[in-house]
PDBML (XML) file of the C-alpha atoms, coordinates in Angstrom:
<?xml version="1.0" encoding="UTF-8" ?>
<PDBx:datablock datablockName="MODEL"
   xmlns:PDBx="http://pdbml.pdb.org/schema/pdbx-v50.xsd"
   xmlns:xsi="http://www.w3.org/2001/XMLSchema-instance"
   xsi:schemaLocation="http://pdbml.pdb.org/schema/pdbx-v50.xsd pdbx-v50.xsd">
   <PDBx:atom_siteCategory>
      <PDBx:atom_site id="1">
         <PDBx:B_iso_or_equiv>0.00</PDBx:B_iso_or_equiv>
         <PDBx:Cartn_x>10.961</PDBx:Cartn_x>
         <PDBx:Cartn_y>-1.202</PDBx:Cartn_y>
         <PDBx:Cartn_z>9.516</PDBx:Cartn_z>
         <PDBx:auth_asym_id>A</PDBx:auth_asym_id>
         <PDBx:auth_atom_id>CA</PDBx:auth_atom_id>
         <PDBx:auth_comp_id>ARG</PDBx:auth_comp_id>
         <PDBx:auth_seq_id>1</PDBx:auth_seq_id>
         <PDBx:group_PDB>ATOM</PDBx:group_PDB>
         <PDBx:label_alt_id xsi:nil="true" />
         <PDBx:label_asym_id>A</PDBx:label_asym_id>
         <PDBx:label_atom_id>CA</PDBx:label_atom_id>
         <PDBx:label_comp_id>ARG</PDBx:label_comp_id>
         <PDBx:label_entity_id>1</PDBx:label_entity_id>
         <PDBx:label_seq_id>1</PDBx:label_seq_id>
         <PDBx:occupancy>1.00</PDBx:occupancy>
         <PDBx:pdbx_PDB_model_num>1</PDBx:pdbx_PDB_model_num>
         <PDBx:type_symbol>C</PDBx:type_symbol>
      </PDBx:atom_site>
      <PDBx:atom_site id="2">
         <PDBx:B_iso_or_equiv>0.00</PDBx:B_iso_or_equiv>
         <PDBx:Cartn_x>7.637</PDBx:Cartn_x>
         <PDBx:Cartn_y>0.583</PDBx:Cartn_y>
         <PDBx:Cartn_z>9.696</PDBx:Cartn_z>
         <PDBx:auth_asym_id>A</PDBx:auth_asym_id>
         <PDBx:auth_atom_id>CA</PDBx:auth_atom_id>
         <PDBx:auth_comp_id>MET</PDBx:auth_comp_id>
         <PDBx:auth_seq_id>2</PDBx:auth_seq_id>
         <PDBx:group_PDB>ATOM</PDBx:group_PDB>
         <PDBx:label_alt_id xsi:nil="true" />
         <PDBx:label_asym_id>A</PDBx:label_asym_id>
         <PDBx:label_atom_id>CA</PDBx:label_atom_id>
         <PDBx:label_comp_id>MET</PDBx:label_comp_id>
         <PDBx:label_entity_id>1</PDBx:label_entity_id>
         <PDBx:label_seq_id>2</PDBx:label_seq_id>
         <PDBx:occupancy>1.00</PDBx:occupancy>
         <PDBx:pdbx_PDB_model_num>1</PDBx:pdbx_PDB_model_num>
         <PDBx:type_symbol>C</PDBx:type_symbol>
      </PDBx:atom_site>
      <PDBx:atom_site id="3">
         <PDBx:B_iso_or_equiv>0.00</PDBx:B_iso_or_equiv>
         <PDBx:Cartn_x>4.287</PDBx:Cartn_x>
         <PDBx:Cartn_y>-0.820</PDBx:Cartn_y>
         <PDBx:Cartn_z>8.667</PDBx:Cartn_z>
         <PDBx:auth_asym_id>A</PDBx:auth_asym_id>
         <PDBx:auth_atom_id>CA</PDBx:auth_atom_id>
         <PDBx:auth_comp_id>TYR</PDBx:auth_comp_id>
         <PDBx:auth_seq_id>3</PDBx:auth_seq_id>
         <PDBx:group_PDB>ATOM</PDBx:group_PDB>
         <PDBx:label_alt_id xsi:nil="true" />
         <PDBx:label_asym_id>A</PDBx:label_asym_id>
         <PDBx:label_atom_id>CA</PDBx:label_atom_id>
         <PDBx:label_comp_id>TYR</PDBx:label_comp_id>
         <PDBx:label_entity_id>1</PDBx:label_entity_id>
         <PDBx:label_seq_id>3</PDBx:label_seq_id>
         <PDBx:occupancy>1.00</PDBx:occupancy>
         <PDBx:pdbx_PDB_model_num>1</PDBx:pdbx_PDB_model_num>
         <PDBx:type_symbol>C</PDBx:type_symbol>
      </PDBx:atom_site>
      <PDBx:atom_site id="4">
         <PDBx:B_iso_or_equiv>0.00</PDBx:B_iso_or_equiv>
         <PDBx:Cartn_x>1.029</PDBx:Cartn_x>
         <PDBx:Cartn_y>1.053</PDBx:Cartn_y>
         <PDBx:Cartn_z>8.381</PDBx:Cartn_z>
         <PDBx:auth_asym_id>A</PDBx:auth_asym_id>
         <PDBx:auth_atom_id>CA</PDBx:auth_atom_id>
         <PDBx:auth_comp_id>TYR</PDBx:auth_comp_id>
         <PDBx:auth_seq_id>4</PDBx:auth_seq_id>
         <PDBx:group_PDB>ATOM</PDBx:group_PDB>
         <PDBx:label_alt_id xsi:nil="true" />
         <PDBx:label_asym_id>A</PDBx:label_asym_id>
         <PDBx:label_atom_id>CA</PDBx:label_atom_id>
         <PDBx:label_comp_id>TYR</PDBx:label_comp_id>
         <PDBx:label_entity_id>1</PDBx:label_entity_id>
         <PDBx:label_seq_id>4</PDBx:label_seq_id>
         <PDBx:occupancy>1.00</PDBx:occupancy>
         <PDBx:pdbx_PDB_model_num>1</PDBx:pdbx_PDB_model_num>
         <PDBx:type_symbol>C</PDBx:type_symbol>
      </PDBx:atom_site>
      <PDBx:atom_site id="5">
         <PDBx:B_iso_or_equiv>0.00</PDBx:B_iso_or_equiv>
         <PDBx:Cartn_x>-2.446</PDBx:Cartn_x>
         <PDBx:Cartn_y>-0.290</PDBx:Cartn_y>
         <PDBx:Cartn_z>7.922</PDBx:Cartn_z>
         <PDBx:auth_asym_id>A</PDBx:auth_asym_id>
         <PDBx:auth_atom_id>CA</PDBx:auth_atom_id>
         <PDBx:auth_comp_id>THR</PDBx:auth_comp_id>
         <PDBx:auth_seq_id>5</PDBx:auth_seq_id>
         <PDBx:group_PDB>ATOM</PDBx:group_PDB>
         <PDBx:label_alt_id xsi:nil="true" />
         <PDBx:label_asym_id>A</PDBx:label_asym_id>
         <PDBx:label_atom_id>CA</PDBx:label_atom_id>
         <PDBx:label_comp_id>THR</PDBx:label_comp_id>
         <PDBx:label_entity_id>1</PDBx:label_entity_id>
         <PDBx:label_seq_id>5</PDBx:label_seq_id>
         <PDBx:occupancy>1.00</PDBx:occupancy>
         <PDBx:pdbx_PDB_model_num>1</PDBx:pdbx_PDB_model_num>
         <PDBx:type_symbol>C</PDBx:type_symbol>
      </PDBx:atom_site>
      <PDBx:atom_site id="6">
         <PDBx:B_iso_or_equiv>0.00</PDBx:B_iso_or_equiv>
         <PDBx:Cartn_x>-4.459</PDBx:Cartn_x>
         <PDBx:Cartn_y>0.665</PDBx:Cartn_y>
         <PDBx:Cartn_z>4.883</PDBx:Cartn_z>
         <PDBx:auth_asym_id>A</PDBx:auth_asym_id>
         <PDBx:auth_atom_id>CA</PDBx:auth_atom_id>
         <PDBx:auth_comp_id>THR</PDBx:auth_comp_id>
         <PDBx:auth_seq_id>6</PDBx:auth_seq_id>
         <PDBx:group_PDB>ATOM</PDBx:group_PDB>
         <PDBx:label_alt_id xsi:nil="true" />
         <PDBx:label_asym_id>A</PDBx:label_asym_id>
         <PDBx:label_atom_id>CA</PDBx:label_atom_id>
         <PDBx:label_comp_id>THR</PDBx:label_comp_id>
         <PDBx:label_entity_id>1</PDBx:label_entity_id>
         <PDBx:label_seq_id>6</PDBx:label_seq_id>
         <PDBx:occupancy>1.00</PDBx:occupancy>
         <PDBx:pdbx_PDB_model_num>1</PDBx:pdbx_PDB_model_num>
         <PDBx:type_symbol>C</PDBx:type_symbol>
      </PDBx:atom_site>
      <PDBx:atom_site id="7">
         <PDBx:B_iso_or_equiv>0.00</PDBx:B_iso_or_equiv>
         <PDBx:Cartn_x>-7.744</PDBx:Cartn_x>
         <PDBx:Cartn_y>-0.259</PDBx:Cartn_y>
         <PDBx:Cartn_z>3.268</PDBx:Cartn_z>
         <PDBx:auth_asym_id>A</PDBx:auth_asym_id>
         <PDBx:auth_atom_id>CA</PDBx:auth_atom_id>
         <PDBx:auth_comp_id>LEU</PDBx:auth_comp_id>
         <PDBx:auth_seq_id>7</PDBx:auth_seq_id>
         <PDBx:group_PDB>ATOM</PDBx:group_PDB>
         <PDBx:label_alt_id xsi:nil="true" />
         <PDBx:label_asym_id>A</PDBx:label_asym_id>
         <PDBx:label_atom_id>CA</PDBx:label_atom_id>
         <PDBx:label_comp_id>LEU</PDBx:label_comp_id>
         <PDBx:label_entity_id>1</PDBx:label_entity_id>
         <PDBx:label_seq_id>7</PDBx:label_seq_id>
         <PDBx:occupancy>1.00</PDBx:occupancy>
         <PDBx:pdbx_PDB_model_num>1</PDBx:pdbx_PDB_model_num>
         <PDBx:type_symbol>C</PDBx:type_symbol>
      </PDBx:atom_site>
      <PDBx:atom_site id="8">
         <PDBx:B_iso_or_equiv>0.00</PDBx:B_iso_or_equiv>
         <PDBx:Cartn_x>-7.598</PDBx:Cartn_x>
         <PDBx:Cartn_y>-3.384</PDBx:Cartn_y>
         <PDBx:Cartn_z>1.158</PDBx:Cartn_z>
         <PDBx:auth_asym_id>A</PDBx:auth_asym_id>
         <PDBx:auth_atom_id>CA</PDBx:auth_atom_id>
         <PDBx:auth_comp_id>GLU</PDBx:auth_comp_id>
         <PDBx:auth_seq_id>8</PDBx:auth_seq_id>
         <PDBx:group_PDB>ATOM</PDBx:group_PDB>
         <PDBx:label_alt_id xsi:nil="true" />
         <PDBx:label_asym_id>A</PDBx:label_asym_id>
         <PDBx:label_atom_id>CA</PDBx:label_atom_id>
         <PDBx:label_comp_id>GLU</PDBx:label_comp_id>
         <PDBx:label_entity_id>1</PDBx:label_entity_id>
         <PDBx:label_seq_id>8</PDBx:label_seq_id>
         <PDBx:occupancy>1.00</PDBx:occupancy>
         <PDBx:pdbx_PDB_model_num>1</PDBx:pdbx_PDB_model_num>
         <PDBx:type_symbol>C</PDBx:type_symbol>
      </PDBx:atom_site>
      <PDBx:atom_site id="9">
         <PDBx:B_iso_or_equiv>0.00</PDBx:B_iso_or_equiv>
         <PDBx:Cartn_x>-9.198</PDBx:Cartn_x>
         <PDBx:Cartn_y>-1.409</PDBx:Cartn_y>
         <PDBx:Cartn_z>-1.694</PDBx:Cartn_z>
         <PDBx:auth_asym_id>A</PDBx:auth_asym_id>
         <PDBx:auth_atom_id>CA</PDBx:auth_atom_id>
         <PDBx:auth_comp_id>SER</PDBx:auth_comp_id>
         <PDBx:auth_seq_id>9</PDBx:auth_seq_id>
         <PDBx:group_PDB>ATOM</PDBx:group_PDB>
         <PDBx:label_alt_id xsi:nil="true" />
         <PDBx:label_asym_id>A</PDBx:label_asym_id>
         <PDBx:label_atom_id>CA</PDBx:label_atom_id>
         <PDBx:label_comp_id>SER</PDBx:label_comp_id>
         <PDBx:label_entity_id>1</PDBx:label_entity_id>
         <PDBx:label_seq_id>9</PDBx:label_seq_id>
         <PDBx:occupancy>1.00</PDBx:occupancy>
         <PDBx:pdbx_PDB_model_num>1</PDBx:pdbx_PDB_model_num>
         <PDBx:type_symbol>C</PDBx:type_symbol>
      </PDBx:atom_site>
      <PDBx:atom_site id="10">
         <PDBx:B_iso_or_equiv>0.00</PDBx:B_iso_or_equiv>
         <PDBx:Cartn_x>-6.148</PDBx:Cartn_x>
         <PDBx:Cartn_y>0.899</PDBx:Cartn_y>
         <PDBx:Cartn_z>-1.831</PDBx:Cartn_z>
         <PDBx:auth_asym_id>A</PDBx:auth_asym_id>
         <PDBx:auth_atom_id>CA</PDBx:auth_atom_id>
         <PDBx:auth_comp_id>ASN</PDBx:auth_comp_id>
         <PDBx:auth_seq_id>10</PDBx:auth_seq_id>
         <PDBx:group_PDB>ATOM</PDBx:group_PDB>
         <PDBx:label_alt_id xsi:nil="true" />
         <PDBx:label_asym_id>A</PDBx:label_asym_id>
         <PDBx:label_atom_id>CA</PDBx:label_atom_id>
         <PDBx:label_comp_id>ASN</PDBx:label_comp_id>
         <PDBx:label_entity_id>1</PDBx:label_entity_id>
         <PDBx:label_seq_id>10</PDBx:label_seq_id>
         <PDBx:occupancy>1.00</PDBx:occupancy>
         <PDBx:pdbx_PDB_model_num>1</PDBx:pdbx_PDB_model_num>
         <PDBx:type_symbol>C</PDBx:type_symbol>
      </PDBx:atom_site>
      <PDBx:atom_site id="11">
         <PDBx:B_iso_or_equiv>0.00</PDBx:B_iso_or_equiv>
         <PDBx:Cartn_x>-4.126</PDBx:Cartn_x>
         <PDBx:Cartn_y>-2.013</PDBx:Cartn_y>
         <PDBx:Cartn_z>-3.185</PDBx:Cartn_z>
         <PDBx:auth_asym_id>A</PDBx:auth_asym_id>
         <PDBx:auth_atom_id>CA</PDBx:auth_atom_id>
         <PDBx:auth_comp_id>LEU</PDBx:auth_comp_id>
         <PDBx:auth_seq_id>11</PDBx:auth_seq_id>
         <PDBx:group_PDB>ATOM</PDBx:group_PDB>
         <PDBx:label_alt_id xsi:nil="true" />
         <PDBx:label_asym_id>A</PDBx:label_asym_id>
         <PDBx:label_atom_id>CA</PDBx:label_atom_id>
         <PDBx:label_comp_id>LEU</PDBx:label_comp_id>
         <PDBx:label_entity_id>1</PDBx:label_entity_id>
         <PDBx:label_seq_id>11</PDBx:label_seq_id>
         <PDBx:occupancy>1.00</PDBx:occupancy>
         <PDBx:pdbx_PDB_model_num>1</PDBx:pdbx_PDB_model_num>
         <PDBx:type_symbol>C</PDBx:type_symbol>
      </PDBx:atom_site>
      <PDBx:atom_site id="12">
         <PDBx:B_iso_or_equiv>0.00</PDBx:B_iso_or_equiv>
         <PDBx:Cartn_x>-6.375</PDBx:Cartn_x>
         <PDBx:Cartn_y>-2.026</PDBx:Cartn_y>
         <PDBx:Cartn_z>-6.240</PDBx:Cartn_z>
         <PDBx:auth_asym_id>A</PDBx:auth_asym_id>
         <PDBx:auth_atom_id>CA</PDBx:auth_atom_id>
         <PDBx:auth_comp_id>GLY</PDBx:auth_comp_id>
         <PDBx:auth_seq_id>12</PDBx:auth_seq_id>
         <PDBx:group_PDB>ATOM</PDBx:group_PDB>
         <PDBx:label_alt_id xsi:nil="true" />
         <PDBx:label_asym_id>A</PDBx:label_asym_id>
         <PDBx:label_atom_id>CA</PDBx:label_atom_id>
         <PDBx:label_comp_id>GLY</PDBx:label_comp_id>
         <PDBx:label_entity_id>1</PDBx:label_entity_id>
         <PDBx:label_seq_id>12</PDBx:label_seq_id>
         <PDBx:occupancy>1.00</PDBx:occupancy>
         <PDBx:pdbx_PDB_model_num>1</PDBx:pdbx_PDB_model_num>
         <PDBx:type_symbol>C</PDBx:type_symbol>
      </PDBx:atom_site>
      <PDBx:atom_site id="13">
         <PDBx:B_iso_or_equiv>0.00</PDBx:B_iso_or_equiv>
         <PDBx:Cartn_x>-5.118</PDBx:Cartn_x>
         <PDBx:Cartn_y>1.381</PDBx:Cartn_y>
         <PDBx:Cartn_z>-7.410</PDBx:Cartn_z>
         <PDBx:auth_asym_id>A</PDBx:auth_asym_id>
         <PDBx:auth_atom_id>CA</PDBx:auth_atom_id>
         <PDBx:auth_comp_id>ILE</PDBx:auth_comp_id>
         <PDBx:auth_seq_id>13</PDBx:auth_seq_id>
         <PDBx:group_PDB>ATOM</PDBx:group_PDB>
         <PDBx:label_alt_id xsi:nil="true" />
         <PDBx:label_asym_id>A</PDBx:label_asym_id>
         <PDBx:label_atom_id>CA</PDBx:label_atom_id>
         <PDBx:label_comp_id>ILE</PDBx:label_comp_id>
         <PDBx:label_entity_id>1</PDBx:label_entity_id>
         <PDBx:label_seq_id>13</PDBx:label_seq_id>
         <PDBx:occupancy>1.00</PDBx:occupancy>
         <PDBx:pdbx_PDB_model_num>1</PDBx:pdbx_PDB_model_num>
         <PDBx:type_symbol>C</PDBx:type_symbol>
      </PDBx:atom_site>
      <PDBx:atom_site id="14">
         <PDBx:B_iso_or_equiv>0.00</PDBx:B_iso_or_equiv>
         <PDBx:Cartn_x>-2.926</PDBx:Cartn_x>
         <PDBx:Cartn_y>0.620</PDBx:Cartn_y>
         <PDBx:Cartn_z>-10.462</PDBx:Cartn_z>
         <PDBx:auth_asym_id>A</PDBx:auth_asym_id>
         <PDBx:auth_atom_id>CA</PDBx:auth_atom_id>
         <PDBx:auth_comp_id>PRO</PDBx:auth_comp_id>
         <PDBx:auth_seq_id>14</PDBx:auth_seq_id>
         <PDBx:group_PDB>ATOM</PDBx:group_PDB>
         <PDBx:label_alt_id xsi:nil="true" />
         <PDBx:label_asym_id>A</PDBx:label_asym_id>
         <PDBx:label_atom_id>CA</PDBx:label_atom_id>
         <PDBx:label_comp_id>PRO</PDBx:label_comp_id>
         <PDBx:label_entity_id>1</PDBx:label_entity_id>
         <PDBx:label_seq_id>14</PDBx:label_seq_id>
         <PDBx:occupancy>1.00</PDBx:occupancy>
         <PDBx:pdbx_PDB_model_num>1</PDBx:pdbx_PDB_model_num>
         <PDBx:type_symbol>C</PDBx:type_symbol>
      </PDBx:atom_site>
      <PDBx:atom_site id="15">
         <PDBx:B_iso_or_equiv>0.00</PDBx:B_iso_or_equiv>
         <PDBx:Cartn_x>0.346</PDBx:Cartn_x>
         <PDBx:Cartn_y>2.470</PDBx:Cartn_y>
         <PDBx:Cartn_z>-9.784</PDBx:Cartn_z>
         <PDBx:auth_asym_id>A</PDBx:auth_asym_id>
         <PDBx:auth_atom_id>CA</PDBx:auth_atom_id>
         <PDBx:auth_comp_id>ILE</PDBx:auth_comp_id>
         <PDBx:auth_seq_id>15</PDBx:auth_seq_id>
         <PDBx:group_PDB>ATOM</PDBx:group_PDB>
         <PDBx:label_alt_id xsi:nil="true" />
         <PDBx:label_asym_id>A</PDBx:label_asym_id>
         <PDBx:label_atom_id>CA</PDBx:label_atom_id>
         <PDBx:label_comp_id>ILE</PDBx:label_comp_id>
         <PDBx:label_entity_id>1</PDBx:label_entity_id>
         <PDBx:label_seq_id>15</PDBx:label_seq_id>
         <PDBx:occupancy>1.00</PDBx:occupancy>
         <PDBx:pdbx_PDB_model_num>1</PDBx:pdbx_PDB_model_num>
         <PDBx:type_symbol>C</PDBx:type_symbol>
      </PDBx:atom_site>
      <PDBx:atom_site id="16">
         <PDBx:B_iso_or_equiv>0.00</PDBx:B_iso_or_equiv>
         <PDBx:Cartn_x>-0.176</PDBx:Cartn_x>
         <PDBx:Cartn_y>3.413</PDBx:Cartn_y>
         <PDBx:Cartn_z>-6.145</PDBx:Cartn_z>
         <PDBx:auth_asym_id>A</PDBx:auth_asym_id>
         <PDBx:auth_atom_id>CA</PDBx:auth_atom_id>
         <PDBx:auth_comp_id>ALA</PDBx:auth_comp_id>
         <PDBx:auth_seq_id>16</PDBx:auth_seq_id>
         <PDBx:group_PDB>ATOM</PDBx:group_PDB>
         <PDBx:label_alt_id xsi:nil="true" />
         <PDBx:label_asym_id>A</PDBx:label_asym_id>
         <PDBx:label_atom_id>CA</PDBx:label_atom_id>
         <PDBx:label_comp_id>ALA</PDBx:label_comp_id>
         <PDBx:label_entity_id>1</PDBx:label_entity_id>
         <PDBx:label_seq_id>16</PDBx:label_seq_id>
         <PDBx:occupancy>1.00</PDBx:occupancy>
         <PDBx:pdbx_PDB_model_num>1</PDBx:pdbx_PDB_model_num>
         <PDBx:type_symbol>C</PDBx:type_symbol>
      </PDBx:atom_site>
      <PDBx:atom_site id="17">
         <PDBx:B_iso_or_equiv>0.00</PDBx:B_iso_or_equiv>
         <PDBx:Cartn_x>-0.501</PDBx:Cartn_x>
         <PDBx:Cartn_y>-0.215</PDBx:Cartn_y>
         <PDBx:Cartn_z>-4.979</PDBx:Cartn_z>
         <PDBx:auth_asym_id>A</PDBx:auth_asym_id>
         <PDBx:auth_atom_id>CA</PDBx:auth_atom_id>
         <PDBx:auth_comp_id>ARG</PDBx:auth_comp_id>
         <PDBx:auth_seq_id>17</PDBx:auth_seq_id>
         <PDBx:group_PDB>ATOM</PDBx:group_PDB>
         <PDBx:label_alt_id xsi:nil="true" />
         <PDBx:label_asym_id>A</PDBx:label_asym_id>
         <PDBx:label_atom_id>CA</PDBx:label_atom_id>
         <PDBx:label_comp_id>ARG</PDBx:label_comp_id>
         <PDBx:label_entity_id>1</PDBx:label_entity_id>
         <PDBx:label_seq_id>17</PDBx:label_seq_id>
         <PDBx:occupancy>1.00</PDBx:occupancy>
         <PDBx:pdbx_PDB_model_num>1</PDBx:pdbx_PDB_model_num>
         <PDBx:type_symbol>C</PDBx:type_symbol>
      </PDBx:atom_site>
      <PDBx:atom_site id="18">
         <PDBx:B_iso_or_equiv>0.00</PDBx:B_iso_or_equiv>
         <PDBx:Cartn_x>3.201</PDBx:Cartn_x>
         <PDBx:Cartn_y>-0.824</PDBx:Cartn_y>
         <PDBx:Cartn_z>-5.630</PDBx:Cartn_z>
         <PDBx:auth_asym_id>A</PDBx:auth_asym_id>
         <PDBx:auth_atom_id>CA</PDBx:auth_atom_id>
         <PDBx:auth_comp_id>HIS</PDBx:auth_comp_id>
         <PDBx:auth_seq_id>18</PDBx:auth_seq_id>
         <PDBx:group_PDB>ATOM</PDBx:group_PDB>
         <PDBx:label_alt_id xsi:nil="true" />
         <PDBx:label_asym_id>A</PDBx:label_asym_id>
         <PDBx:label_atom_id>CA</PDBx:label_atom_id>
         <PDBx:label_comp_id>HIS</PDBx:label_comp_id>
         <PDBx:label_entity_id>1</PDBx:label_entity_id>
         <PDBx:label_seq_id>18</PDBx:label_seq_id>
         <PDBx:occupancy>1.00</PDBx:occupancy>
         <PDBx:pdbx_PDB_model_num>1</PDBx:pdbx_PDB_model_num>
         <PDBx:type_symbol>C</PDBx:type_symbol>
      </PDBx:atom_site>
      <PDBx:atom_site id="19">
         <PDBx:B_iso_or_equiv>0.00</PDBx:B_iso_or_equiv>
         <PDBx:Cartn_x>4.196</PDBx:Cartn_x>
         <PDBx:Cartn_y>2.298</PDBx:Cartn_y>
         <PDBx:Cartn_z>-3.690</PDBx:Cartn_z>
         <PDBx:auth_asym_id>A</PDBx:auth_asym_id>
         <PDBx:auth_atom_id>CA</PDBx:auth_atom_id>
         <PDBx:auth_comp_id>LEU</PDBx:auth_comp_id>
         <PDBx:auth_seq_id>19</PDBx:auth_seq_id>
         <PDBx:group_PDB>ATOM</PDBx:group_PDB>
         <PDBx:label_alt_id xsi:nil="true" />
         <PDBx:label_asym_id>A</PDBx:label_asym_id>
         <PDBx:label_atom_id>CA</PDBx:label_atom_id>
         <PDBx:label_comp_id>LEU</PDBx:label_comp_id>
         <PDBx:label_entity_id>1</PDBx:label_entity_id>
         <PDBx:label_seq_id>19</PDBx:label_seq_id>
         <PDBx:occupancy>1.00</PDBx:occupancy>
         <PDBx:pdbx_PDB_model_num>1</PDBx:pdbx_PDB_model_num>
         <PDBx:type_symbol>C</PDBx:type_symbol>
      </PDBx:atom_site>
      <PDBx:atom_site id="20">
         <PDBx:B_iso_or_equiv>0.00</PDBx:B_iso_or_equiv>
         <PDBx:Cartn_x>1.840</PDBx:Cartn_x>
         <PDBx:Cartn_y>1.418</PDBx:Cartn_y>
         <PDBx:Cartn_z>-0.832</PDBx:Cartn_z>
         <PDBx:auth_asym_id>A</PDBx:auth_asym_id>
         <PDBx:auth_atom_id>CA</PDBx:auth_atom_id>
         <PDBx:auth_comp_id>ILE</PDBx:auth_comp_id>
         <PDBx:auth_seq_id>20</PDBx:auth_seq_id>
         <PDBx:group_PDB>ATOM</PDBx:group_PDB>
         <PDBx:label_alt_id xsi:nil="true" />
         <PDBx:label_asym_id>A</PDBx:label_asym_id>
         <PDBx:label_atom_id>CA</PDBx:label_atom_id>
         <PDBx:label_comp_id>ILE</PDBx:label_comp_id>
         <PDBx:label_entity_id>1</PDBx:label_entity_id>
         <PDBx:label_seq_id>20</PDBx:label_seq_id>
         <PDBx:occupancy>1.00</PDBx:occupancy>
         <PDBx:pdbx_PDB_model_num>1</PDBx:pdbx_PDB_model_num>
         <PDBx:type_symbol>C</PDBx:type_symbol>
      </PDBx:atom_site>
      <PDBx:atom_site id="21">
         <PDBx:B_iso_or_equiv>0.00</PDBx:B_iso_or_equiv>
         <PDBx:Cartn_x>3.422</PDBx:Cartn_x>
         <PDBx:Cartn_y>-2.031</PDBx:Cartn_y>
         <PDBx:Cartn_z>-0.493</PDBx:Cartn_z>
         <PDBx:auth_asym_id>A</PDBx:auth_asym_id>
         <PDBx:auth_atom_id>CA</PDBx:auth_atom_id>
         <PDBx:auth_comp_id>ARG</PDBx:auth_comp_id>
         <PDBx:auth_seq_id>21</PDBx:auth_seq_id>
         <PDBx:group_PDB>ATOM</PDBx:group_PDB>
         <PDBx:label_alt_id xsi:nil="true" />
         <PDBx:label_asym_id>A</PDBx:label_asym_id>
         <PDBx:label_atom_id>CA</PDBx:label_atom_id>
         <PDBx:label_comp_id>ARG</PDBx:label_comp_id>
         <PDBx:label_entity_id>1</PDBx:label_entity_id>
         <PDBx:label_seq_id>21</PDBx:label_seq_id>
         <PDBx:occupancy>1.00</PDBx:occupancy>
         <PDBx:pdbx_PDB_model_num>1</PDBx:pdbx_PDB_model_num>
         <PDBx:type_symbol>C</PDBx:type_symbol>
      </PDBx:atom_site>
      <PDBx:atom_site id="22">
         <PDBx:B_iso_or_equiv>0.00</PDBx:B_iso_or_equiv>
         <PDBx:Cartn_x>6.966</PDBx:Cartn_x>
         <PDBx:Cartn_y>-0.688</PDBx:Cartn_y>
         <PDBx:Cartn_z>-0.925</PDBx:Cartn_z>
         <PDBx:auth_asym_id>A</PDBx:auth_asym_id>
         <PDBx:auth_atom_id>CA</PDBx:auth_atom_id>
         <PDBx:auth_comp_id>TRP</PDBx:auth_comp_id>
         <PDBx:auth_seq_id>22</PDBx:auth_seq_id>
         <PDBx:group_PDB>ATOM</PDBx:group_PDB>
         <PDBx:label_alt_id xsi:nil="true" />
         <PDBx:label_asym_id>A</PDBx:label_asym_id>
         <PDBx:label_atom_id>CA</PDBx:label_atom_id>
         <PDBx:label_comp_id>TRP</PDBx:label_comp_id>
         <PDBx:label_entity_id>1</PDBx:label_entity_id>
         <PDBx:label_seq_id>22</PDBx:label_seq_id>
         <PDBx:occupancy>1.00</PDBx:occupancy>
         <PDBx:pdbx_PDB_model_num>1</PDBx:pdbx_PDB_model_num>
         <PDBx:type_symbol>C</PDBx:type_symbol>
      </PDBx:atom_site>
      <PDBx:atom_site id="23">
         <PDBx:B_iso_or_equiv>0.00</PDBx:B_iso_or_equiv>
         <PDBx:Cartn_x>6.446</PDBx:Cartn_x>
         <PDBx:Cartn_y>1.859</PDBx:Cartn_y>
         <PDBx:Cartn_z>1.877</PDBx:Cartn_z>
         <PDBx:auth_asym_id>A</PDBx:auth_asym_id>
         <PDBx:auth_atom_id>CA</PDBx:auth_atom_id>
         <PDBx:auth_comp_id>PHE</PDBx:auth_comp_id>
         <PDBx:auth_seq_id>23</PDBx:auth_seq_id>
         <PDBx:group_PDB>ATOM</PDBx:group_PDB>
         <PDBx:label_alt_id xsi:nil="true" />
         <PDBx:label_asym_id>A</PDBx:label_asym_id>
         <PDBx:label_atom_id>CA</PDBx:label_atom_id>
         <PDBx:label_comp_id>PHE</PDBx:label_comp_id>
         <PDBx:label_entity_id>1</PDBx:label_entity_id>
         <PDBx:label_seq_id>23</PDBx:label_seq_id>
         <PDBx:occupancy>1.00</PDBx:occupancy>
         <PDBx:pdbx_PDB_model_num>1</PDBx:pdbx_PDB_model_num>
         <PDBx:type_symbol>C</PDBx:type_symbol>
      </PDBx:atom_site>
      <PDBx:atom_site id="24">
         <PDBx:B_iso_or_equiv>0.00</PDBx:B_iso_or_equiv>
         <PDBx:Cartn_x>5.118</PDBx:Cartn_x>
         <PDBx:Cartn_y>-0.806</PDBx:Cartn_y>
         <PDBx:Cartn_z>4.272</PDBx:Cartn_z>
         <PDBx:auth_asym_id>A</PDBx:auth_asym_id>
         <PDBx:auth_atom_id>CA</PDBx:auth_atom_id>
         <PDBx:auth_comp_id>GLY</PDBx:auth_comp_id>
         <PDBx:auth_seq_id>24</PDBx:auth_seq_id>
         <PDBx:group_PDB>ATOM</PDBx:group_PDB>
         <PDBx:label_alt_id xsi:nil="true" />
         <PDBx:label_asym_id>A</PDBx:label_asym_id>
         <PDBx:label_atom_id>CA</PDBx:label_atom_id>
         <PDBx:label_comp_id>GLY</PDBx:label_comp_id>
         <PDBx:label_entity_id>1</PDBx:label_entity_id>
         <PDBx:label_seq_id>24</PDBx:label_seq_id>
         <PDBx:occupancy>1.00</PDBx:occupancy>
         <PDBx:pdbx_PDB_model_num>1</PDBx:pdbx_PDB_model_num>
         <PDBx:type_symbol>C</PDBx:type_symbol>
      </PDBx:atom_site>
      <PDBx:atom_site id="25">
         <PDBx:B_iso_or_equiv>0.00</PDBx:B_iso_or_equiv>
         <PDBx:Cartn_x>1.365</PDBx:Cartn_x>
         <PDBx:Cartn_y>-0.693</PDBx:Cartn_y>
         <PDBx:Cartn_z>3.662</PDBx:Cartn_z>
         <PDBx:auth_asym_id>A</PDBx:auth_asym_id>
         <PDBx:auth_atom_id>CA</PDBx:auth_atom_id>
         <PDBx:auth_comp_id>GLY</PDBx:auth_comp_id>
         <PDBx:auth_seq_id>25</PDBx:auth_seq_id>
         <PDBx:group_PDB>ATOM</PDBx:group_PDB>
         <PDBx:label_alt_id xsi:nil="true" />
         <PDBx:label_asym_id>A</PDBx:label_asym_id>
         <PDBx:label_atom_id>CA</PDBx:label_atom_id>
         <PDBx:label_comp_id>GLY</PDBx:label_comp_id>
         <PDBx:label_entity_id>1</PDBx:label_entity_id>
         <PDBx:label_seq_id>25</PDBx:label_seq_id>
         <PDBx:occupancy>1.00</PDBx:occupancy>
         <PDBx:pdbx_PDB_model_num>1</PDBx:pdbx_PDB_model_num>
         <PDBx:type_symbol>C</PDBx:type_symbol>
      </PDBx:atom_site>
   </PDBx:atom_siteCategory>
</PDBx:datablock>
């Protein structure tokens, strides 16, 4: 599995937050 760090604010983007989490954000 791969994880990558991202800004906490990116998880507030309506549709993208689910993709970010799904891809290991």
